[in-house]
């Protein structure tokens, strides 16, 4: 079966930066629902379309196609008193909201003089990436998966 609209694609993958450093890889196969459900980068989904089990797909992603451009406005300096009493550490993450009420995950990047620098950018924002996937399985999606817009079961979402 070919990768097509409303198929579940199971794959292994590797994500590298422009220097060839492996940023992330799947130890176990992962699955996504193919067909514009925003479960994978659109440019990767486009490259996967029409492929078969065993095919290897490599896609170069510019920042706009991956985690977006780095946005300086998402870096904020806050007083340490604005955070929970737990011991603050660089690398800790907190949820916050932007001006539109959208939830953003902020990472503590610096702590000094009673101030905390938090960054709402994805750690790989602004980076060119190389996504390489090997297709392991392709199957028709269930009606429930299509109505929920994601894969259920092994490699997917569990309710």
C-alpha atoms as a PDB file:
ATOM      1  CA  UNK A   1       0.000   0.000   0.000  1.00  0.00           C
ATOM      2  CA  UNK A   2       1.259   3.467  -0.859  1.00  0.00           C
ATOM      3  CA  UNK A   3       1.282   6.430   1.498  1.00  0.00           C
ATOM      4  CA  UNK A   4      -1.912   8.344   0.661  1.00  0.00           C
ATOM      5  CA  UNK A   5      -4.672  10.430   2.255  1.00  0.00           C
ATOM      6  CA  UNK A   6      -6.005   8.790   5.441  1.00  0.00           C
ATOM      7  CA  UNK A   7      -3.278   6.177   5.766  1.00  0.00           C
ATOM      8  CA  UNK A   8      -1.290   5.489   8.906  1.00  0.00           C
ATOM      9  CA  UNK A   9       2.431   5.607   8.214  1.00  0.00           C
ATOM     10  CA  UNK A  10       4.804   3.866  10.614  1.00  0.00           C
ATOM     11  CA  UNK A  11       8.437   4.889  10.286  1.00  0.00           C
ATOM     12  CA  UNK A  12      11.763   5.277  11.969  1.00  0.00           C
ATOM     13  CA  UNK A  13      13.422   8.653  11.608  1.00  0.00           C
ATOM     14  CA  UNK A  14      16.450  10.763  12.304  1.00  0.00           C
ATOM     15  CA  UNK A  15      16.537  14.552  12.557  1.00  0.00           C
ATOM     16  CA  UNK A  16      19.880  16.308  12.069  1.00  0.00           C
ATOM     17  CA  UNK A  17      20.968  19.936  12.088  1.00  0.00           C
ATOM     18  CA  UNK A  18      22.959  21.547   9.264  1.00  0.00           C
ATOM     19  CA  UNK A  19      26.217  20.395  10.906  1.00  0.00           C
ATOM     20  CA  UNK A  20      25.096  16.759  10.733  1.00  0.00           C
ATOM     21  CA  UNK A  21      24.542  16.460  14.487  1.00  0.00           C
ATOM     22  CA  UNK A  22      21.705  14.050  15.310  1.00  0.00           C
ATOM     23  CA  UNK A  23      19.138  16.051  17.283  1.00  0.00           C
ATOM     24  CA  UNK A  24      16.529  13.330  17.606  1.00  0.00           C
ATOM     25  CA  UNK A  25      15.922   9.806  16.394  1.00  0.00           C
ATOM     26  CA  UNK A  26      13.293   7.173  16.978  1.00  0.00           C
ATOM     27  CA  UNK A  27      14.497   4.137  18.886  1.00  0.00           C
ATOM     28  CA  UNK A  28      11.157   2.492  18.115  1.00  0.00           C
ATOM     29  CA  UNK A  29       8.962   3.064  15.054  1.00  0.00           C
ATOM     30  CA  UNK A  30       6.487   5.945  15.324  1.00  0.00           C
ATOM     31  CA  UNK A  31       3.225   6.421  13.444  1.00  0.00           C
ATOM     32  CA  UNK A  32       1.349   9.405  12.062  1.00  0.00           C
ATOM     33  CA  UNK A  33      -1.930   9.941  10.216  1.00  0.00           C
ATOM     34  CA  UNK A  34      -1.159  11.089   6.665  1.00  0.00           C
ATOM     35  CA  UNK A  35      -3.385  13.641   4.967  1.00  0.00           C
ATOM     36  CA  UNK A  36      -2.935  17.176   6.257  1.00  0.00           C
ATOM     37  CA  UNK A  37      -3.717  16.566   9.927  1.00  0.00           C
ATOM     38  CA  UNK A  38      -0.690  18.578  11.135  1.00  0.00           C
ATOM     39  CA  UNK A  39       0.881  15.479  12.684  1.00  0.00           C
ATOM     40  CA  UNK A  40       4.174  15.955  10.830  1.00  0.00           C
ATOM     41  CA  UNK A  41       5.922  18.818   9.038  1.00  0.00           C
ATOM     42  CA  UNK A  42       3.937  19.541   5.836  1.00  0.00           C
ATOM     43  CA  UNK A  43       7.066  19.394   3.665  1.00  0.00           C
ATOM     44  CA  UNK A  44       7.883  15.933   5.077  1.00  0.00           C
ATOM     45  CA  UNK A  45       4.312  14.772   4.527  1.00  0.00           C
ATOM     46  CA  UNK A  46       4.484  15.983   0.923  1.00  0.00           C
ATOM     47  CA  UNK A  47       7.694  13.972   0.359  1.00  0.00           C
ATOM     48  CA  UNK A  48       6.162  10.846   1.954  1.00  0.00           C
ATOM     49  CA  UNK A  49       3.070  10.921  -0.294  1.00  0.00           C
ATOM     50  CA  UNK A  50       3.074   8.048  -2.785  1.00  0.00           C
ATOM     51  CA  UNK A  51       5.975   6.222  -1.126  1.00  0.00           C
ATOM     52  CA  UNK A  52       5.996   2.539  -0.151  1.00  0.00           C
ATOM     53  CA  UNK A  53       7.212   0.335   2.698  1.00  0.00           C
ATOM     54  CA  UNK A  54      11.005   0.240   2.672  1.00  0.00           C
ATOM     55  CA  UNK A  55      11.392   3.612   0.975  1.00  0.00           C
ATOM     56  CA  UNK A  56      13.780   6.100   2.563  1.00  0.00           C
ATOM     57  CA  UNK A  57      12.712   9.733   2.433  1.00  0.00           C
ATOM     58  CA  UNK A  58      15.126  12.607   3.042  1.00  0.00           C
ATOM     59  CA  UNK A  59      13.867  16.175   3.311  1.00  0.00           C
ATOM     60  CA  UNK A  60      15.847  19.359   3.908  1.00  0.00           C
ATOM     61  CA  UNK A  61      13.849  21.748   6.055  1.00  0.00           C
ATOM     62  CA  UNK A  62      14.461  25.476   6.126  1.00  0.00           C
ATOM     63  CA  UNK A  63      13.508  27.084   9.460  1.00  0.00           C
ATOM     64  CA  UNK A  64      10.113  28.134   8.078  1.00  0.00           C
ATOM     65  CA  UNK A  65       9.397  24.472   7.182  1.00  0.00           C
ATOM     66  CA  UNK A  66      10.521  23.150  10.580  1.00  0.00           C
ATOM     67  CA  UNK A  67      10.315  24.904  13.930  1.00  0.00           C
ATOM     68  CA  UNK A  68      10.101  28.442  12.555  1.00  0.00           C
ATOM     69  CA  UNK A  69      12.455  31.385  12.590  1.00  0.00           C
ATOM     70  CA  UNK A  70      13.970  32.412  15.917  1.00  0.00           C
ATOM     71  CA  UNK A  71      11.756  35.156  17.406  1.00  0.00           C
ATOM     72  CA  UNK A  72      13.570  37.556  19.779  1.00  0.00           C
ATOM     73  CA  UNK A  73      10.176  38.715  21.100  1.00  0.00           C
ATOM     74  CA  UNK A  74       9.699  35.293  22.702  1.00  0.00           C
ATOM     75  CA  UNK A  75      12.687  35.931  24.988  1.00  0.00           C
ATOM     76  CA  UNK A  76      11.609  37.633  28.204  1.00  0.00           C
ATOM     77  CA  UNK A  77      13.229  38.704  31.454  1.00  0.00           C
ATOM     78  CA  UNK A  78      11.057  38.165  34.508  1.00  0.00           C
ATOM     79  CA  UNK A  79      11.617  38.636  38.247  1.00  0.00           C
ATOM     80  CA  UNK A  80      12.433  35.354  39.992  1.00  0.00           C
ATOM     81  CA  UNK A  81       9.503  36.055  42.335  1.00  0.00           C
ATOM     82  CA  UNK A  82       7.122  35.467  39.387  1.00  0.00           C
ATOM     83  CA  UNK A  83       7.959  31.747  39.439  1.00  0.00           C
ATOM     84  CA  UNK A  84       6.897  28.958  41.818  1.00  0.00           C
ATOM     85  CA  UNK A  85       8.905  28.680  45.013  1.00  0.00           C
ATOM     86  CA  UNK A  86      10.629  25.522  43.740  1.00  0.00           C
ATOM     87  CA  UNK A  87      14.330  25.862  43.056  1.00  0.00           C
ATOM     88  CA  UNK A  88      14.765  27.488  39.648  1.00  0.00           C
ATOM     89  CA  UNK A  89      17.282  25.878  37.305  1.00  0.00           C
ATOM     90  CA  UNK A  90      18.441  26.588  33.773  1.00  0.00           C
ATOM     91  CA  UNK A  91      16.592  24.185  31.470  1.00  0.00           C
ATOM     92  CA  UNK A  92      13.368  24.134  33.513  1.00  0.00           C
ATOM     93  CA  UNK A  93      10.230  24.654  31.461  1.00  0.00           C
ATOM     94  CA  UNK A  94       7.020  26.515  32.216  1.00  0.00           C
ATOM     95  CA  UNK A  95       3.830  27.073  30.270  1.00  0.00           C
ATOM     96  CA  UNK A  96       2.725  30.615  29.589  1.00  0.00           C
ATOM     97  CA  UNK A  97       0.330  32.389  27.256  1.00  0.00           C
ATOM     98  CA  UNK A  98       1.015  34.836  24.473  1.00  0.00           C
ATOM     99  CA  UNK A  99      -1.119  37.914  23.762  1.00  0.00           C
ATOM    100  CA  UNK A 100      -3.712  35.790  21.937  1.00  0.00           C
ATOM    101  CA  UNK A 101      -4.042  33.247  24.764  1.00  0.00           C
ATOM    102  CA  UNK A 102      -2.068  30.564  22.924  1.00  0.00           C
ATOM    103  CA  UNK A 103      -0.051  28.348  25.275  1.00  0.00           C
ATOM    104  CA  UNK A 104       3.723  28.621  24.806  1.00  0.00           C
ATOM    105  CA  UNK A 105       6.350  26.455  26.471  1.00  0.00           C
ATOM    106  CA  UNK A 106       9.088  28.669  27.927  1.00  0.00           C
ATOM    107  CA  UNK A 107      12.546  27.379  28.845  1.00  0.00           C
ATOM    108  CA  UNK A 108      14.681  29.020  31.527  1.00  0.00           C
ATOM    109  CA  UNK A 109      17.943  29.982  29.795  1.00  0.00           C
ATOM    110  CA  UNK A 110      19.609  32.173  32.425  1.00  0.00           C
ATOM    111  CA  UNK A 111      19.218  33.125  36.099  1.00  0.00           C
ATOM    112  CA  UNK A 112      21.068  36.089  37.622  1.00  0.00           C
ATOM    113  CA  UNK A 113      20.520  38.893  40.127  1.00  0.00           C
ATOM    114  CA  UNK A 114      16.942  37.902  40.951  1.00  0.00           C
ATOM    115  CA  UNK A 115      15.992  37.855  37.269  1.00  0.00           C
ATOM    116  CA  UNK A 116      15.081  34.898  35.072  1.00  0.00           C
ATOM    117  CA  UNK A 117      15.481  34.803  31.290  1.00  0.00           C
ATOM    118  CA  UNK A 118      12.895  32.586  29.595  1.00  0.00           C
ATOM    119  CA  UNK A 119      12.761  31.688  25.915  1.00  0.00           C
ATOM    120  CA  UNK A 120       9.527  30.649  24.186  1.00  0.00           C
ATOM    121  CA  UNK A 121      11.254  29.560  20.980  1.00  0.00           C
ATOM    122  CA  UNK A 122      11.584  25.869  20.198  1.00  0.00           C
ATOM    123  CA  UNK A 123      15.224  24.862  20.874  1.00  0.00           C
ATOM    124  CA  UNK A 124      15.690  24.221  17.135  1.00  0.00           C
ATOM    125  CA  UNK A 125      13.947  27.387  15.916  1.00  0.00           C
ATOM    126  CA  UNK A 126      15.986  29.136  13.240  1.00  0.00           C
ATOM    127  CA  UNK A 127      17.871  25.959  12.295  1.00  0.00           C
ATOM    128  CA  UNK A 128      18.066  24.207   8.948  1.00  0.00           C
ATOM    129  CA  UNK A 129      17.254  20.547   9.486  1.00  0.00           C
ATOM    130  CA  UNK A 130      17.534  17.258   7.632  1.00  0.00           C
ATOM    131  CA  UNK A 131      14.723  14.777   8.251  1.00  0.00           C
ATOM    132  CA  UNK A 132      15.387  11.198   7.147  1.00  0.00           C
ATOM    133  CA  UNK A 133      12.712   8.524   7.521  1.00  0.00           C
ATOM    134  CA  UNK A 134      12.403   4.860   6.595  1.00  0.00           C
ATOM    135  CA  UNK A 135       8.827   3.718   5.998  1.00  0.00           C
ATOM    136  CA  UNK A 136       8.135   0.530   7.960  1.00  0.00           C
ATOM    137  CA  UNK A 137       4.377   0.070   7.473  1.00  0.00           C
ATOM    138  CA  UNK A 138       1.446   1.720   5.694  1.00  0.00           C
ATOM    139  CA  UNK A 139      -2.175   0.864   6.479  1.00  0.00           C
ATOM    140  CA  UNK A 140      -5.608   2.396   6.038  1.00  0.00           C
ATOM    141  CA  UNK A 141      -6.647   4.594   8.941  1.00  0.00           C
ATOM    142  CA  UNK A 142      -9.712   3.646  10.958  1.00  0.00           C
ATOM    143  CA  UNK A 143     -12.781   5.899  10.933  1.00  0.00           C
ATOM    144  CA  UNK A 144     -12.021   6.742  14.566  1.00  0.00           C
ATOM    145  CA  UNK A 145      -8.439   7.769  13.747  1.00  0.00           C
ATOM    146  CA  UNK A 146      -9.642  10.011  10.915  1.00  0.00           C
ATOM    147  CA  UNK A 147     -12.342  11.601  13.104  1.00  0.00           C
ATOM    148  CA  UNK A 148      -9.795  12.205  15.904  1.00  0.00           C
ATOM    149  CA  UNK A 149      -7.096  13.382  13.436  1.00  0.00           C
ATOM    150  CA  UNK A 150      -4.400  11.133  14.918  1.00  0.00           C
ATOM    151  CA  UNK A 151      -3.230   7.519  15.134  1.00  0.00           C
ATOM    152  CA  UNK A 152      -4.410   5.231  17.923  1.00  0.00           C
ATOM    153  CA  UNK A 153      -2.549   2.231  19.309  1.00  0.00           C
ATOM    154  CA  UNK A 154       1.100   1.271  18.844  1.00  0.00           C
ATOM    155  CA  UNK A 155       3.260   4.241  17.905  1.00  0.00           C
ATOM    156  CA  UNK A 156       0.305   6.604  18.162  1.00  0.00           C
ATOM    157  CA  UNK A 157      -2.021   8.262  20.678  1.00  0.00           C
ATOM    158  CA  UNK A 158      -3.604   6.422  23.606  1.00  0.00           C
ATOM    159  CA  UNK A 159      -6.898   7.551  25.138  1.00  0.00           C
END
